[in-house]
Amino acid sequence: MKSLIIFLLFISFTQAQHKTFAEAALNEKFLSVENSEITFSEILQQYKGETVFIDIWASWCKDCIVGMPKVQKLREENPQVVFLFLSLDKETESWKHGIEKYGVVGENYFIPAGWKGDFCSSIDLDWIPRYMIVNPEGEISLYKAIEANDENLLKALK
């Protein structure tokens, strides 16, 4: 019985952690397409009260590129949702070229710290593309999806 209670508390605790972003992640600085520094917190603040679809991607990532048309279709079907693209390219030139080449329409930012930065570490990033949904209350309603047609992702957008 004691083991069951500990297990249930552990599950509750780990799920609770995924409702918000860690302070370190919120404070990490990203770059806008205009090369301005902005924290992840400031980015989210811009869209307070709105549903935010986050796509963590890179122009060198085959799976990201294959998924991009599906993501753009979701964007067209959900005009009330903010589509936020966070790039893990190694250089800003590659990132900006990728935006053009693949028609990445939405809010675009570059993650200078890369995979080993606080943002990626705090969300347990182990694969891209990685999709997340932040609800209008600012909580993470979908922590992880790697397919743009993931059933849980589609439910979280509704």
C-alpha atoms as a PDB file:
ATOM      1  CA  MET A   1       0.000   0.000   0.000  1.00  0.00           C
ATOM      2  CA  LYS A   2       2.819   2.379   0.908  1.00  0.00           C
ATOM      3  CA  SER A   3       4.443   1.720  -2.486  1.00  0.00           C
ATOM      4  CA  LEU A   4       1.191   2.506  -4.283  1.00  0.00           C
ATOM      5  CA  ILE A   5       0.827   5.839  -2.466  1.00  0.00           C
ATOM      6  CA  ILE A   6       4.419   6.799  -3.247  1.00  0.00           C
ATOM      7  CA  PHE A   7       3.888   5.847  -6.899  1.00  0.00           C
ATOM      8  CA  LEU A   8       0.701   7.927  -7.148  1.00  0.00           C
ATOM      9  CA  LEU A   9       2.389  10.908  -5.501  1.00  0.00           C
ATOM     10  CA  PHE A  10       5.303  10.581  -7.913  1.00  0.00           C
ATOM     11  CA  ILE A  11       2.950  10.502 -10.921  1.00  0.00           C
ATOM     12  CA  SER A  12       1.027  13.524  -9.628  1.00  0.00           C
ATOM     13  CA  PHE A  13       4.249  15.423  -8.974  1.00  0.00           C
ATOM     14  CA  THR A  14       5.780  14.728 -12.392  1.00  0.00           C
ATOM     15  CA  GLN A  15       2.587  15.685 -14.186  1.00  0.00           C
ATOM     16  CA  ALA A  16       2.337  18.910 -12.184  1.00  0.00           C
ATOM     17  CA  GLN A  17       5.832  19.881 -13.300  1.00  0.00           C
ATOM     18  CA  HIS A  18       4.705  19.815 -16.916  1.00  0.00           C
ATOM     19  CA  LYS A  19       2.006  22.463 -16.503  1.00  0.00           C
ATOM     20  CA  THR A  20       4.450  25.361 -16.353  1.00  0.00           C
ATOM     21  CA  PHE A  21       7.892  26.214 -17.671  1.00  0.00           C
ATOM     22  CA  ALA A  22      10.866  26.281 -15.312  1.00  0.00           C
ATOM     23  CA  GLU A  23      12.135  29.702 -14.261  1.00  0.00           C
ATOM     24  CA  ALA A  24      15.445  29.064 -16.041  1.00  0.00           C
ATOM     25  CA  ALA A  25      13.599  28.256 -19.276  1.00  0.00           C
ATOM     26  CA  LEU A  26      11.504  31.411 -19.005  1.00  0.00           C
ATOM     27  CA  ASN A  27      14.643  33.506 -18.513  1.00  0.00           C
ATOM     28  CA  GLU A  28      16.566  32.050 -21.451  1.00  0.00           C
ATOM     29  CA  LYS A  29      17.212  34.592 -24.208  1.00  0.00           C
ATOM     30  CA  PHE A  30      16.143  33.912 -27.766  1.00  0.00           C
ATOM     31  CA  LEU A  31      16.651  35.984 -30.915  1.00  0.00           C
ATOM     32  CA  SER A  32      13.926  37.506 -33.065  1.00  0.00           C
ATOM     33  CA  VAL A  33      14.212  37.589 -36.867  1.00  0.00           C
ATOM     34  CA  GLU A  34      15.333  41.216 -36.397  1.00  0.00           C
ATOM     35  CA  ASN A  35      18.212  39.921 -34.194  1.00  0.00           C
ATOM     36  CA  SER A  36      16.754  41.408 -30.984  1.00  0.00           C
ATOM     37  CA  GLU A  37      17.218  39.473 -27.745  1.00  0.00           C
ATOM     38  CA  ILE A  38      14.038  38.492 -25.944  1.00  0.00           C
ATOM     39  CA  THR A  39      13.411  36.092 -23.081  1.00  0.00           C
ATOM     40  CA  PHE A  40      11.067  33.174 -23.521  1.00  0.00           C
ATOM     41  CA  SER A  41       8.917  34.705 -20.780  1.00  0.00           C
ATOM     42  CA  GLU A  42       8.589  37.945 -22.770  1.00  0.00           C
ATOM     43  CA  ILE A  43       7.617  35.947 -25.853  1.00  0.00           C
ATOM     44  CA  LEU A  44       4.861  34.129 -23.965  1.00  0.00           C
ATOM     45  CA  GLN A  45       3.705  37.388 -22.354  1.00  0.00           C
ATOM     46  CA  GLN A  46       2.988  38.792 -25.829  1.00  0.00           C
ATOM     47  CA  TYR A  47       0.403  36.052 -26.350  1.00  0.00           C
ATOM     48  CA  LYS A  48      -1.155  35.989 -22.887  1.00  0.00           C
ATOM     49  CA  GLY A  49      -4.790  34.922 -23.126  1.00  0.00           C
ATOM     50  CA  GLU A  50      -4.242  33.064 -26.406  1.00  0.00           C
ATOM     51  CA  THR A  51      -3.560  29.451 -27.290  1.00  0.00           C
ATOM     52  CA  VAL A  52       0.056  29.042 -28.406  1.00  0.00           C
ATOM     53  CA  PHE A  53       1.279  26.170 -30.579  1.00  0.00           C
ATOM     54  CA  ILE A  54       5.040  25.748 -30.106  1.00  0.00           C
ATOM     55  CA  ASP A  55       7.085  24.000 -32.790  1.00  0.00           C
ATOM     56  CA  ILE A  56      10.733  23.360 -31.909  1.00  0.00           C
ATOM     57  CA  TRP A  57      12.497  22.630 -35.173  1.00  0.00           C
ATOM     58  CA  ALA A  58      15.643  23.118 -37.287  1.00  0.00           C
ATOM     59  CA  SER A  59      16.177  23.542 -41.016  1.00  0.00           C
ATOM     60  CA  TRP A  60      18.570  20.552 -41.065  1.00  0.00           C
ATOM     61  CA  CYS A  61      15.988  18.236 -39.450  1.00  0.00           C
ATOM     62  CA  LYS A  62      14.350  15.961 -42.017  1.00  0.00           C
ATOM     63  CA  ASP A  63      11.422  15.063 -39.726  1.00  0.00           C
ATOM     64  CA  CYS A  64      10.836  18.764 -39.023  1.00  0.00           C
ATOM     65  CA  ILE A  65      10.673  19.582 -42.732  1.00  0.00           C
ATOM     66  CA  VAL A  66       8.384  16.626 -43.490  1.00  0.00           C
ATOM     67  CA  GLY A  67       6.030  17.798 -40.711  1.00  0.00           C
ATOM     68  CA  MET A  68       6.044  21.464 -41.728  1.00  0.00           C
ATOM     69  CA  PRO A  69       3.191  21.240 -44.321  1.00  0.00           C
ATOM     70  CA  LYS A  70       1.003  19.539 -41.687  1.00  0.00           C
ATOM     71  CA  VAL A  71       1.819  22.301 -39.197  1.00  0.00           C
ATOM     72  CA  GLN A  72       1.015  25.005 -41.753  1.00  0.00           C
ATOM     73  CA  LYS A  73      -2.303  23.245 -42.484  1.00  0.00           C
ATOM     74  CA  LEU A  74      -3.064  23.291 -38.740  1.00  0.00           C
ATOM     75  CA  ARG A  75      -2.244  27.008 -38.723  1.00  0.00           C
ATOM     76  CA  GLU A  76      -4.702  27.628 -41.561  1.00  0.00           C
ATOM     77  CA  GLU A  77      -7.395  25.565 -39.804  1.00  0.00           C
ATOM     78  CA  ASN A  78      -6.810  27.337 -36.461  1.00  0.00           C
ATOM     79  CA  PRO A  79      -6.400  31.053 -37.198  1.00  0.00           C
ATOM     80  CA  GLN A  80      -7.148  31.905 -33.550  1.00  0.00           C
ATOM     81  CA  VAL A  81      -4.002  30.037 -32.428  1.00  0.00           C
ATOM     82  CA  VAL A  82      -0.554  31.655 -32.290  1.00  0.00           C
ATOM     83  CA  PHE A  83       2.052  29.494 -34.030  1.00  0.00           C
ATOM     84  CA  LEU A  84       5.444  29.950 -32.406  1.00  0.00           C
ATOM     85  CA  PHE A  85       8.458  28.417 -34.147  1.00  0.00           C
ATOM     86  CA  LEU A  86      11.637  28.004 -32.089  1.00  0.00           C
ATOM     87  CA  SER A  87      14.716  27.070 -34.092  1.00  0.00           C
ATOM     88  CA  LEU A  88      17.625  24.903 -33.034  1.00  0.00           C
ATOM     89  CA  ASP A  89      19.674  25.678 -36.114  1.00  0.00           C
ATOM     90  CA  LYS A  90      23.369  26.142 -35.445  1.00  0.00           C
ATOM     91  CA  GLU A  91      23.550  29.534 -37.169  1.00  0.00           C
ATOM     92  CA  THR A  92      21.029  32.343 -37.609  1.00  0.00           C
ATOM     93  CA  GLU A  93      21.697  32.436 -41.368  1.00  0.00           C
ATOM     94  CA  SER A  94      20.602  28.791 -41.715  1.00  0.00           C
ATOM     95  CA  TRP A  95      17.538  29.498 -39.590  1.00  0.00           C
ATOM     96  CA  LYS A  96      16.470  32.531 -41.636  1.00  0.00           C
ATOM     97  CA  HIS A  97      17.113  30.670 -44.891  1.00  0.00           C
ATOM     98  CA  GLY A  98      14.987  27.767 -43.563  1.00  0.00           C
ATOM     99  CA  ILE A  99      12.107  30.105 -42.754  1.00  0.00           C
ATOM    100  CA  GLU A 100      12.101  31.294 -46.375  1.00  0.00           C
ATOM    101  CA  LYS A 101      12.783  27.927 -47.999  1.00  0.00           C
ATOM    102  CA  TYR A 102      10.115  26.028 -46.079  1.00  0.00           C
ATOM    103  CA  GLY A 103       7.536  28.823 -45.820  1.00  0.00           C
ATOM    104  CA  VAL A 104       7.467  28.864 -42.025  1.00  0.00           C
ATOM    105  CA  VAL A 105       4.601  31.265 -41.373  1.00  0.00           C
ATOM    106  CA  GLY A 106       4.170  32.322 -37.768  1.00  0.00           C
ATOM    107  CA  GLU A 107       6.220  33.854 -34.975  1.00  0.00           C
ATOM    108  CA  ASN A 108       9.861  32.814 -35.411  1.00  0.00           C
ATOM    109  CA  TYR A 109      12.660  32.820 -32.833  1.00  0.00           C
ATOM    110  CA  PHE A 110      16.145  31.339 -32.644  1.00  0.00           C
ATOM    111  CA  ILE A 111      17.491  29.498 -29.573  1.00  0.00           C
ATOM    112  CA  PRO A 112      21.176  30.537 -29.346  1.00  0.00           C
ATOM    113  CA  ALA A 113      21.930  28.214 -26.403  1.00  0.00           C
ATOM    114  CA  GLY A 114      20.828  25.210 -28.463  1.00  0.00           C
ATOM    115  CA  TRP A 115      19.978  21.778 -27.110  1.00  0.00           C
ATOM    116  CA  LYS A 116      22.064  22.210 -23.961  1.00  0.00           C
ATOM    117  CA  GLY A 117      20.460  25.479 -22.880  1.00  0.00           C
ATOM    118  CA  ASP A 118      18.054  25.850 -19.982  1.00  0.00           C
ATOM    119  CA  PHE A 119      14.951  25.904 -22.167  1.00  0.00           C
ATOM    120  CA  CYS A 120      15.624  22.618 -23.969  1.00  0.00           C
ATOM    121  CA  SER A 121      16.959  20.916 -20.843  1.00  0.00           C
ATOM    122  CA  SER A 122      13.949  21.914 -18.776  1.00  0.00           C
ATOM    123  CA  ILE A 123      11.454  20.467 -21.259  1.00  0.00           C
ATOM    124  CA  ASP A 124      13.436  17.218 -21.564  1.00  0.00           C
ATOM    125  CA  LEU A 125      13.986  17.776 -25.270  1.00  0.00           C
ATOM    126  CA  ASP A 126      15.122  14.527 -26.843  1.00  0.00           C
ATOM    127  CA  TRP A 127      13.737  14.819 -30.384  1.00  0.00           C
ATOM    128  CA  ILE A 128      12.666  17.400 -32.927  1.00  0.00           C
ATOM    129  CA  PRO A 129      10.237  18.328 -34.115  1.00  0.00           C
ATOM    130  CA  ARG A 130       8.701  18.801 -30.714  1.00  0.00           C
ATOM    131  CA  TYR A 131       5.249  20.283 -30.439  1.00  0.00           C
ATOM    132  CA  MET A 132       3.773  21.832 -27.317  1.00  0.00           C
ATOM    133  CA  ILE A 133       0.526  23.704 -26.615  1.00  0.00           C
ATOM    134  CA  VAL A 134       0.158  26.512 -24.078  1.00  0.00           C
ATOM    135  CA  ASN A 135      -3.463  27.302 -23.221  1.00  0.00           C
ATOM    136  CA  PRO A 136      -4.917  30.822 -22.773  1.00  0.00           C
ATOM    137  CA  GLU A 137      -4.312  30.582 -19.004  1.00  0.00           C
ATOM    138  CA  GLY A 138      -0.590  30.196 -19.704  1.00  0.00           C
ATOM    139  CA  GLU A 139      -0.413  26.528 -18.689  1.00  0.00           C
ATOM    140  CA  ILE A 140       1.144  23.806 -20.789  1.00  0.00           C
ATOM    141  CA  SER A 141      -1.832  21.758 -21.975  1.00  0.00           C
ATOM    142  CA  LEU A 142       0.248  19.494 -24.224  1.00  0.00           C
ATOM    143  CA  TYR A 143       3.786  18.810 -23.074  1.00  0.00           C
ATOM    144  CA  LYS A 144       5.051  16.597 -25.860  1.00  0.00           C
ATOM    145  CA  ALA A 145       4.138  15.498 -29.353  1.00  0.00           C
ATOM    146  CA  ILE A 146       6.498  14.654 -32.197  1.00  0.00           C
ATOM    147  CA  GLU A 147       3.898  14.247 -34.943  1.00  0.00           C
ATOM    148  CA  ALA A 148       1.777  17.135 -36.218  1.00  0.00           C
ATOM    149  CA  ASN A 149      -1.229  14.826 -36.496  1.00  0.00           C
ATOM    150  CA  ASP A 150      -0.882  13.472 -32.935  1.00  0.00           C
ATOM    151  CA  GLU A 151      -4.376  12.903 -31.531  1.00  0.00           C
ATOM    152  CA  ASN A 152      -3.549  14.625 -28.215  1.00  0.00           C
ATOM    153  CA  LEU A 153      -2.154  17.636 -30.060  1.00  0.00           C
ATOM    154  CA  LEU A 154      -5.306  17.989 -32.135  1.00  0.00           C
ATOM    155  CA  LYS A 155      -7.467  17.753 -28.992  1.00  0.00           C
ATOM    156  CA  ALA A 156      -5.376  20.406 -27.229  1.00  0.00           C
ATOM    157  CA  LEU A 157      -5.945  22.827 -30.118  1.00  0.00           C
ATOM    158  CA  LYS A 158      -9.735  22.642 -29.793  1.00  0.00           C
END
